[in-house]
């Protein structure tokens, strides 16, 4: 991108010519639970899922507390940069810690999602994750899990350990409200025709990736796709709360208006290794 294109991108974002996004969010208590401890937010470029930690008191209060600072971010008409998002994550940590301190056994939640930001004059998705909720990227017929699960099973699998097969998936190694609340974060350029899925493990435990990919590929607009994902998770057992946010980039907005080169073809393979990791905070 040359200087004139970058300047045009900056002008486009700051004057309100943001990417055109269509999104739909759904959350469901599931078949066997009485309380929905998931919290979701899908507003103004901010798409977040927080899953209250099972076995803890006030998991629903923890997830609501985690979402609160992001609701304030979504209410701000200014386009944030990644530093603003990181400050928001820290406020979420503090809010969940405050809830946890008021309980006897503690409380916590996962925190996963994407936030539309400006980075070096161009729109990007800030992808964030703490815990085992997930963000997927769907383009054409390809589905890629962008986030890495912070779970004991995932860590054992990464090490090639045989005991991973018998390790419960729901043993989380990082979460807000826990001793290790570090988040992973990446920047992902915004491209027309991409679809993002932000979801809790209540979906991915019940519905395999191949089935999720099929629904995202042929399901149409975000609202019926989100409805179908919830239906499949309930049909698959619905053992946990289920949350799904489907986010479509209808047009990349300012990037295209500025004539950004190198936009991905709708059927081009996506190399997630090209995403830019902007932070991996140290243990608190």
Foldseek 3Di string as FASTA:
>chain_A
DDPLLLVLLLVCQQVPQAFDKDKDKDWFFFDPGDDQLWDWDDAQQWTKIKHKAPPDPPSNVLNVLLCVLVVVVRVDPHAAAVVVVVVSNVSSLVSQLVVQVVDDRGIWIKMWDWGWHADSSATKIKTKTWAAWWKWKAFQLDIDTLDQHQAPLSVCVVVVHPCSVVDDRSHGNETRGDQFPWMWIWIGGDAARMKMKTKGVLQCVQDPPNRLSVLVNPVPGRPSSQVVSVVSSNVSPRPGMIMMMMMHRNHRGSSVVSPPPDHDDRPDDDDSVPIGTDDGDDRD
